[in-house]
């Protein structure tokens, strides 16, 4: 199918993007065939009238946990024993089939909300990769997926034994990288520090769990096999250990010293900023978050650390991408647009810069900018259409009117939303 998107206002996703009128975007064979004047549309192209709506690249979310819904807890409680729960669930083929179906459903939700590329950073077994492959074959509908499949942790580490394997020694870490590589991931994910949900003491989130020699062994093996390494890090010590031993992207972050800034530059590493998961713990009342007091205090430490890390990286020219850690409580699969609003609000970035980081900027960090991330001739036709101007108000991205994925036009994307969660989150925008 060949068609021309006409009468839209084009935002191309580049760093210097400005609204462009009176141009048509030609789509053929899943690609952007050209961007031309409205009167120069070739024969054979069906005209799709956007009626003054804004046309821009599909959003790219670089930190997704695809198998989890993101629904908030219903009562005050400690997080479940994920390892024990996973041991039970993983023994049932029926349960695993249900998990795959849920994973595929959440992937579709991501697409219908305007996110055309996701980078999944630890999931259940190789479910993310399986869903990715079926999307690529046209069996399922969903976004482009860059998958880490299972992550690597250590005994007692972040999500150890559930969405991450347990490496007891550096040699085991390297072996786990090889086993994960056999499932054909797109990257490797390490759990270097703890987090808010598994902190054991008040005021001490992000404690270092993975020894430096284990980090190095995993990174060395991943790089040998051609994979980049992403790492869950929520403390200054964790940032230092990660960068000294070969990690390519710091997920979340913490306050940086001058030494760490230089490590980022020397390593050529990037930060993936994720404000969404810590905000409910830090800002909500306990009756709203259903969190324990320890989680509220630690959530504020992590939120402040993420914000400070992004600000410092941005000031020093270090690449900063956006992810929202979807799957954490209150972080739902259709709400990536909120992460853009938080980045604008807390980091102080303009709407232009924020939109660039969530499109072409994220594509560059992920190494797929020759394929997607901007509206340019020859790139994949991954686009969204919204009524308002996101350069004036990023929240218009919450209501996507059309989605285009590899040229397939979805005119009325539908998403089931949790009204009570959205109303609560809206109060803290």
Protein backbone atom coordinates (compact mmCIF):
# COMPACT_ATOMS: atom_id res chain seq x y z
CA UNK A 1 0.00 0.00 0.00
CA UNK A 2 1.22 3.47 -0.90
CA UNK A 3 -0.33 6.53 0.69
CA UNK A 4 0.38 10.20 1.26
CA UNK A 5 -0.21 11.91 4.61
CA UNK A 6 -1.44 15.39 3.70
CA UNK A 7 -2.56 18.55 5.51
CA UNK A 8 -0.59 17.69 8.62
CA UNK A 9 1.94 19.72 10.57
CA UNK A 10 5.21 17.82 10.53
CA UNK A 11 7.67 17.56 13.44
CA UNK A 12 10.60 15.54 12.14
CA UNK A 13 12.12 14.52 15.52
CA UNK A 14 15.47 16.21 14.92
CA UNK A 15 17.15 18.35 17.53
CA UNK A 16 16.27 21.57 15.69
CA UNK A 17 12.74 20.51 14.72
CA UNK A 18 10.19 23.18 13.85
CA UNK A 19 6.60 22.72 12.67
CA UNK A 20 6.44 22.31 8.89
CA UNK A 21 3.23 22.85 6.93
CA UNK A 22 2.19 22.24 3.32
CA UNK A 23 4.26 19.07 2.97
CA UNK A 24 3.15 15.49 2.35
CA UNK A 25 4.82 12.40 3.79
CA UNK A 26 4.79 9.58 1.27
CA UNK A 27 4.70 6.03 2.63
CA UNK A 28 5.39 2.94 0.55
CA UNK A 29 6.46 -0.59 1.45
CA UNK A 30 6.72 0.30 5.12
CA UNK A 31 9.18 3.13 4.53
CA UNK A 32 9.06 6.90 4.18
CA UNK A 33 9.39 7.14 0.41
CA UNK A 34 9.72 10.92 0.41
CA UNK A 35 8.62 14.18 1.99
CA UNK A 36 7.37 16.44 -0.75
CA UNK A 37 5.16 19.41 -1.53
CA UNK A 38 1.45 18.65 -1.46
CA UNK A 39 1.13 19.35 -5.19
CA UNK A 40 3.94 16.92 -6.07
CA UNK A 41 2.33 13.69 -4.84
CA UNK A 42 2.92 10.96 -7.46
CA UNK A 43 0.11 8.92 -8.95
CA UNK A 44 -0.79 5.76 -7.12
CA UNK A 45 -0.67 7.25 -3.62
CA UNK A 46 -3.89 7.27 -1.61
CA UNK A 47 -4.32 10.59 0.19
CA UNK A 48 -4.85 10.49 3.96
CA UNK A 49 -6.04 13.89 5.16
CA UNK A 50 -4.70 14.75 8.65
CA UNK A 51 -6.85 17.91 8.83
CA UNK A 52 -4.25 20.03 10.59
CA UNK A 53 -3.11 17.41 13.12
CA UNK A 54 0.55 17.02 14.10
CA UNK A 55 2.62 14.24 12.56
CA UNK A 56 5.77 13.13 14.38
CA UNK A 57 7.99 10.08 14.91
CA UNK A 58 6.68 7.32 17.12
CA UNK A 59 7.99 7.53 20.68
CA UNK A 60 10.86 5.31 21.83
CA UNK A 61 10.91 4.00 25.41
CA UNK A 62 14.33 2.68 26.43
CA UNK A 63 13.41 1.09 29.78
CA UNK A 64 10.48 -1.34 29.77
CA UNK A 65 9.61 -4.45 31.79
CA UNK A 66 7.10 -5.93 29.40
CA UNK A 67 5.67 -8.79 31.45
CA UNK A 68 4.42 -6.62 34.32
CA UNK A 69 1.20 -4.61 34.21
CA UNK A 70 2.24 -1.65 36.37
CA UNK A 71 -0.99 -1.83 38.35
CA UNK A 72 -0.57 -0.42 41.87
CA UNK A 73 -0.89 -2.56 44.99
CA UNK A 74 -4.28 -2.58 46.68
CA UNK A 75 -3.03 -2.54 50.26
CA UNK A 76 0.01 -1.70 52.36
CA UNK A 77 2.39 -4.62 52.10
CA UNK A 78 5.95 -5.62 51.49
CA UNK A 79 6.79 -6.72 47.95
CA UNK A 80 6.23 -10.45 47.42
CA UNK A 81 9.06 -12.96 47.35
CA UNK A 82 9.52 -12.82 43.58
CA UNK A 83 12.02 -15.66 43.51
CA UNK A 84 9.69 -18.06 45.32
CA UNK A 85 6.76 -16.93 43.19
CA UNK A 86 8.74 -17.41 39.98
CA UNK A 87 9.90 -20.88 41.05
CA UNK A 88 6.27 -21.89 41.32
CA UNK A 89 5.02 -20.20 38.15
CA UNK A 90 7.85 -21.28 35.85
CA UNK A 91 7.06 -24.95 36.38
CA UNK A 92 3.65 -24.64 34.73
CA UNK A 93 3.41 -24.61 30.94
CA UNK A 94 -0.11 -23.22 31.23
CA UNK A 95 1.06 -20.32 33.41
CA UNK A 96 3.94 -19.59 31.04
CA UNK A 97 1.49 -19.52 28.13
CA UNK A 98 -0.64 -17.02 30.04
CA UNK A 99 2.43 -14.90 30.78
CA UNK A 100 3.33 -14.85 27.10
CA UNK A 101 -0.20 -13.79 26.18
CA UNK A 102 -0.08 -10.99 28.76
CA UNK A 103 3.35 -9.92 27.49
CA UNK A 104 2.02 -9.75 23.94
CA UNK A 105 -0.99 -7.76 25.14
CA UNK A 106 1.16 -5.21 26.93
CA UNK A 107 3.33 -4.86 23.81
CA UNK A 108 0.22 -4.05 21.79
CA UNK A 109 -0.82 -1.49 24.39
CA UNK A 110 2.57 0.20 24.04
CA UNK A 111 2.04 0.52 20.29
CA UNK A 112 -1.54 1.76 20.58
CA UNK A 113 -0.38 4.49 22.97
CA UNK A 114 2.09 5.84 20.42
CA UNK A 115 5.29 4.03 21.44
CA UNK A 116 6.65 2.40 18.29
CA UNK A 117 9.94 1.12 19.76
CA UNK A 118 10.65 -0.32 23.19
CA UNK A 119 13.81 -1.61 24.81
CA UNK A 120 12.99 -4.29 27.35
CA UNK A 121 15.47 -4.61 30.20
CA UNK A 122 14.76 -7.90 31.98
CA UNK A 123 11.69 -10.05 31.72
CA UNK A 124 10.51 -13.58 32.34
CA UNK A 125 12.79 -16.10 30.61
CA UNK A 126 12.92 -15.22 26.89
CA UNK A 127 9.26 -14.15 26.61
CA UNK A 128 10.14 -10.65 25.38
CA UNK A 129 12.28 -12.09 22.60
CA UNK A 130 9.57 -14.54 21.57
CA UNK A 131 7.00 -11.74 21.36
CA UNK A 132 9.53 -9.63 19.42
CA UNK A 133 10.00 -12.42 16.90
CA UNK A 134 6.27 -12.98 16.42
CA UNK A 135 5.73 -9.25 15.92
CA UNK A 136 8.48 -9.23 13.30
CA UNK A 137 6.81 -12.16 11.52
CA UNK A 138 3.44 -10.39 11.53
CA UNK A 139 1.83 -12.92 13.87
CA UNK A 140 1.35 -10.33 16.63
CA UNK A 141 0.80 -6.58 16.56
CA UNK A 142 3.24 -4.48 18.56
CA UNK A 143 6.19 -2.10 18.51
CA UNK A 144 9.76 -2.74 17.49
CA UNK A 145 11.33 -4.55 20.45
CA UNK A 146 14.95 -4.51 21.53
CA UNK A 147 15.04 -7.25 24.13
CA UNK A 148 17.43 -8.18 26.93
CA UNK A 149 15.33 -11.22 27.85
CA UNK A 150 16.45 -12.31 31.34
CA UNK A 151 18.72 -10.01 33.34
CA UNK A 152 21.70 -11.00 35.49
CA UNK A 153 21.79 -10.38 39.24
CA UNK A 154 23.57 -11.95 42.20
CA UNK A 155 22.20 -13.93 45.18
CA UNK A 156 20.16 -11.48 47.21
CA UNK A 157 20.36 -8.93 44.42
CA UNK A 158 17.70 -6.92 42.61
CA UNK A 159 14.99 -9.29 41.33
CA UNK A 160 17.38 -12.22 41.69
CA UNK A 161 15.80 -15.51 40.69
CA UNK A 162 12.81 -13.99 38.92
CA UNK A 163 13.49 -11.64 36.00
CA UNK A 164 17.23 -12.01 36.60
CA UNK A 165 19.47 -15.03 37.06
CA UNK A 166 21.81 -15.36 40.04
CA UNK A 167 25.54 -15.26 39.30
CA UNK A 168 27.56 -16.27 42.34
CA UNK A 169 30.99 -15.69 40.78
CA UNK A 170 32.50 -13.74 37.86
CA UNK A 171 32.83 -17.01 35.95
CA UNK A 172 29.13 -17.71 36.46
CA UNK A 173 28.27 -14.19 35.27
CA UNK A 174 30.14 -14.78 32.01
CA UNK A 175 28.42 -18.15 31.63
CA UNK A 176 25.03 -16.53 32.19
CA UNK A 177 25.81 -14.00 29.46
CA UNK A 178 26.50 -16.88 27.08
CA UNK A 179 23.27 -18.65 28.04
CA UNK A 180 21.24 -15.48 27.54
CA UNK A 181 23.02 -14.87 24.22
CA UNK A 182 21.72 -18.26 23.08
CA UNK A 183 18.17 -16.83 23.34
CA UNK A 184 19.15 -14.11 20.82
CA UNK A 185 18.67 -10.93 22.84
CA UNK A 186 19.50 -7.44 21.58
CA UNK A 187 21.39 -6.38 24.72
CA UNK A 188 22.46 -7.66 28.15
CA UNK A 189 21.03 -6.31 31.42
CA UNK A 190 22.81 -6.33 34.79
CA UNK A 191 21.30 -5.64 38.22
CA UNK A 192 24.27 -3.96 39.93
CA UNK A 193 22.56 -2.31 42.89
CA UNK A 194 19.40 -2.78 44.88
CA UNK A 195 16.36 -0.54 44.50
CA UNK A 196 13.44 1.01 46.32
CA UNK A 197 11.29 -2.11 46.48
CA UNK A 198 14.01 -4.39 47.85
CA UNK A 199 15.84 -2.00 50.16
CA UNK A 200 16.51 -3.56 53.54
CA UNK A 201 17.09 -0.38 55.52
CA UNK A 202 15.70 3.12 55.83
CA UNK A 203 17.70 5.61 53.76
CA UNK A 204 19.80 3.05 51.91
CA UNK A 205 18.35 2.27 48.47
CA UNK A 206 20.69 1.33 45.66
CA UNK A 207 23.22 -0.49 47.83
CA UNK A 208 25.93 -2.17 45.74
CA UNK A 209 25.10 -5.87 45.27
CA UNK A 210 27.18 -7.00 42.32
CA UNK A 211 30.95 -7.04 42.97
CA UNK A 212 33.14 -5.09 40.50
CA UNK A 213 34.86 -8.25 39.24
CA UNK A 214 31.47 -9.78 38.42
CA UNK A 215 30.39 -6.65 36.55
CA UNK A 216 33.62 -6.75 34.55
CA UNK A 217 33.31 -10.43 33.69
CA UNK A 218 29.75 -9.97 32.44
CA UNK A 219 30.61 -6.84 30.42
CA UNK A 220 33.72 -8.38 28.90
CA UNK A 221 31.82 -11.45 27.74
CA UNK A 222 28.87 -9.41 26.46
CA UNK A 223 31.17 -7.13 24.47
CA UNK A 224 33.07 -10.11 23.11
CA UNK A 225 29.77 -11.45 21.79
CA UNK A 226 28.79 -8.07 20.33
CA UNK A 227 26.23 -6.93 22.91
CA UNK A 228 25.90 -3.61 24.72
CA UNK A 229 25.28 -3.76 28.47
CA UNK A 230 22.62 -1.86 30.40
CA UNK A 231 22.72 -1.78 34.20
CA UNK A 232 20.23 -1.05 36.97
CA UNK A 233 22.08 1.46 39.16
CA UNK A 234 20.62 3.65 41.91
CA UNK A 235 23.61 4.82 43.98
CA UNK A 236 26.80 6.81 43.37
CA UNK A 237 28.94 3.79 44.21
CA UNK A 238 26.96 1.71 41.76
CA UNK A 239 27.49 4.29 38.99
CA UNK A 240 31.25 4.25 39.59
CA UNK A 241 31.51 0.45 39.64
CA UNK A 242 29.35 0.14 36.51
CA UNK A 243 31.34 2.64 34.46
CA UNK A 244 34.75 1.43 35.62
CA UNK A 245 33.91 -2.11 34.54
CA UNK A 246 32.36 -1.63 31.13
CA UNK A 247 28.64 -0.82 31.34
CA UNK A 248 27.29 1.07 28.31
CA UNK A 249 24.10 2.58 29.74
CA UNK A 250 23.30 3.54 33.31
CA UNK A 251 19.62 2.93 33.98
CA UNK A 252 18.09 5.31 36.57
CA UNK A 253 21.26 6.96 37.97
CA UNK A 254 22.40 8.79 41.10
CA UNK A 255 24.19 11.99 42.01
CA UNK A 256 27.52 12.22 40.17
CA UNK A 257 30.97 13.41 41.17
CA UNK A 258 33.39 15.02 38.71
CA UNK A 259 35.20 11.66 38.56
CA UNK A 260 32.00 9.89 37.48
CA UNK A 261 31.33 12.51 34.80
CA UNK A 262 34.76 11.80 33.36
CA UNK A 263 34.08 8.05 33.55
CA UNK A 264 30.88 8.57 31.53
CA UNK A 265 32.83 10.46 28.87
CA UNK A 266 35.75 8.03 28.79
CA UNK A 267 33.43 5.06 28.51
CA UNK A 268 31.17 6.75 25.93
CA UNK A 269 28.27 5.70 28.11
CA UNK A 270 24.74 7.11 28.21
CA UNK A 271 22.20 7.65 30.97
CA UNK A 272 18.62 6.41 30.69
CA UNK A 273 16.59 8.72 32.90
CA UNK A 274 13.57 7.15 34.64
CA UNK A 275 11.61 9.48 36.93
CA UNK A 276 8.24 7.70 36.70
CA UNK A 277 8.83 4.73 39.06
CA UNK A 278 10.24 6.70 42.01
CA UNK A 279 7.69 9.52 41.90
CA UNK A 280 4.74 7.62 43.42
CA UNK A 281 6.89 6.42 46.32
CA UNK A 282 8.42 9.85 46.88
CA UNK A 283 5.42 12.13 46.36
CA UNK A 284 2.25 10.18 47.06
CA UNK A 285 0.81 9.92 50.52
CA UNK A 286 1.16 6.48 52.05
CA UNK A 287 -2.59 5.97 51.76
CA UNK A 288 -2.26 6.58 48.02
CA UNK A 289 0.87 4.58 47.24
CA UNK A 290 0.14 1.75 49.71
CA UNK A 291 3.89 1.75 50.34
CA UNK A 292 5.68 1.27 53.62
CA UNK A 293 7.34 4.35 55.20
CA UNK A 294 10.79 2.97 54.35
CA UNK A 295 9.83 2.91 50.66
CA UNK A 296 8.65 6.52 50.73
CA UNK A 297 11.94 7.79 52.14
CA UNK A 298 14.01 5.64 49.81
CA UNK A 299 11.81 6.58 46.88
CA UNK A 300 12.63 10.24 47.44
CA UNK A 301 16.36 9.46 47.56
CA UNK A 302 16.12 7.58 44.25
CA UNK A 303 13.92 10.23 42.62
CA UNK A 304 16.27 13.04 43.63
CA UNK A 305 19.26 10.98 42.47
CA UNK A 306 17.72 10.29 39.07
CA UNK A 307 16.91 13.97 38.58
CA UNK A 308 20.35 15.18 39.69
CA UNK A 309 22.08 12.60 37.50
CA UNK A 310 20.13 13.66 34.41
CA UNK A 311 20.81 17.35 35.08
CA UNK A 312 24.56 16.80 35.52
CA UNK A 313 24.82 14.52 32.47
CA UNK A 314 22.89 17.01 30.35
CA UNK A 315 25.12 19.90 31.48
CA UNK A 316 28.22 17.88 30.55
CA UNK A 317 27.11 16.73 27.10
CA UNK A 318 26.60 13.11 28.13
CA UNK A 319 23.82 11.39 26.13
CA UNK A 320 20.60 11.20 28.13
CA UNK A 321 17.75 8.99 26.98
CA UNK A 322 14.27 8.50 28.36
CA UNK A 323 12.63 5.38 29.77
CA UNK A 324 9.86 5.03 32.31
CA UNK A 325 10.53 1.66 33.95
CA UNK A 326 7.05 0.59 32.96
CA UNK A 327 5.83 -2.36 34.97
CA UNK A 328 6.68 -0.77 38.30
CA UNK A 329 3.67 0.18 40.46
CA UNK A 330 1.69 3.09 38.94
CA UNK A 331 3.74 3.00 35.72
CA UNK A 332 1.34 1.69 33.09
CA UNK A 333 1.99 0.60 29.53
CA UNK A 334 0.16 3.54 27.95
CA UNK A 335 1.73 6.31 30.03
CA UNK A 336 5.18 6.90 28.56
CA UNK A 337 4.05 10.43 27.68
CA UNK A 338 4.19 11.22 31.41
CA UNK A 339 7.95 10.56 31.49
CA UNK A 340 8.37 13.29 28.88
CA UNK A 341 6.36 15.69 31.03
CA UNK A 342 8.47 14.83 34.10
CA UNK A 343 11.70 15.35 32.16
CA UNK A 344 10.51 18.80 31.10
CA UNK A 345 9.32 19.66 34.61
CA UNK A 346 12.17 18.34 36.77
CA UNK A 347 15.17 18.48 34.42
CA UNK A 348 14.25 21.83 32.89
CA UNK A 349 14.50 20.69 29.26
CA UNK A 350 12.42 22.46 26.64
CA UNK A 351 9.59 20.62 24.95
CA UNK A 352 11.65 20.50 21.76
CA UNK A 353 14.61 18.91 23.50
CA UNK A 354 12.44 16.45 25.41
CA UNK A 355 10.64 15.31 22.28
CA UNK A 356 13.96 14.91 20.48
CA UNK A 357 15.33 12.78 23.32
CA UNK A 358 12.24 10.54 23.22
CA UNK A 359 12.57 10.01 19.46
CA UNK A 360 15.81 10.46 17.50
CA UNK A 361 17.93 10.91 20.64
CA UNK A 362 16.76 7.57 22.04
CA UNK A 363 17.25 5.95 18.64
CA UNK A 364 20.87 7.11 18.60
CA UNK A 365 21.54 5.66 22.05
CA UNK A 366 19.95 2.37 21.01
CA UNK A 367 21.93 2.30 17.77
CA UNK A 368 18.87 2.28 15.51
CA UNK A 369 18.88 5.90 14.30
CA UNK A 370 19.53 4.83 10.70
CA UNK A 371 16.26 2.90 10.87
CA UNK A 372 13.86 4.99 12.94
CA UNK A 373 13.51 7.96 15.30
CA UNK A 374 12.93 10.75 12.77
CA UNK A 375 10.85 11.49 9.70
CA UNK A 376 13.36 11.15 6.88
CA UNK A 377 13.33 9.58 3.46
CA UNK A 378 14.29 5.92 3.60
CA UNK A 379 13.53 5.38 7.28
CA UNK A 380 10.86 3.07 8.65
CA UNK A 381 7.42 4.67 8.63
CA UNK A 382 7.01 4.75 12.43
CA UNK A 383 4.78 7.74 13.19
CA UNK A 384 2.03 9.08 15.38
CA UNK A 385 -0.63 11.73 14.84
CA UNK A 386 -1.91 13.97 17.63
CA UNK A 387 -4.30 16.92 17.56
CA UNK A 388 -2.27 19.44 19.54
CA UNK A 389 1.28 20.77 19.29
CA UNK A 390 3.65 18.84 21.63
CA UNK A 391 6.19 21.64 21.30
CA UNK A 392 3.67 23.76 23.20
CA UNK A 393 2.23 21.08 25.50
CA UNK A 394 3.73 17.58 25.83
CA UNK A 395 0.55 16.26 27.44
CA UNK A 396 -1.17 16.19 24.02
CA UNK A 397 0.76 12.92 23.57
CA UNK A 398 -1.65 11.20 25.94
CA UNK A 399 -4.31 11.18 23.22
CA UNK A 400 -2.89 9.62 20.05
CA UNK A 401 -5.28 9.76 17.10
CA UNK A 402 -3.37 7.51 14.69
CA UNK A 403 -0.37 5.22 14.88
CA UNK A 404 1.76 4.11 11.96
CA UNK A 405 4.10 1.16 12.50
CA UNK A 406 6.38 0.15 9.62
CA UNK A 407 3.84 1.70 7.29
CA UNK A 408 0.74 0.03 8.76
CA UNK A 409 -1.80 2.74 9.48
CA UNK A 410 -3.91 2.29 12.63
CA UNK A 411 -6.58 4.96 12.44
CA UNK A 412 -8.28 4.65 15.80
CA UNK A 413 -5.88 3.07 18.32
CA UNK A 414 -7.65 1.94 21.46
CA UNK A 415 -6.16 1.52 24.92
CA UNK A 416 -7.87 0.36 28.11
CA UNK A 417 -6.97 2.86 30.81
CA UNK A 418 -7.16 2.76 34.60
CA UNK A 419 -9.09 5.93 35.37
CA UNK A 420 -8.37 5.94 39.10
CA UNK A 421 -4.61 5.64 38.52
CA UNK A 422 -4.59 8.38 35.89
CA UNK A 423 -6.57 10.72 38.10
CA UNK A 424 -4.10 10.20 40.93
CA UNK A 425 -1.06 10.69 38.69
CA UNK A 426 -2.59 13.83 37.15
CA UNK A 427 -2.54 15.48 40.57
CA UNK A 428 1.26 15.24 40.64
CA UNK A 429 2.00 16.39 37.08
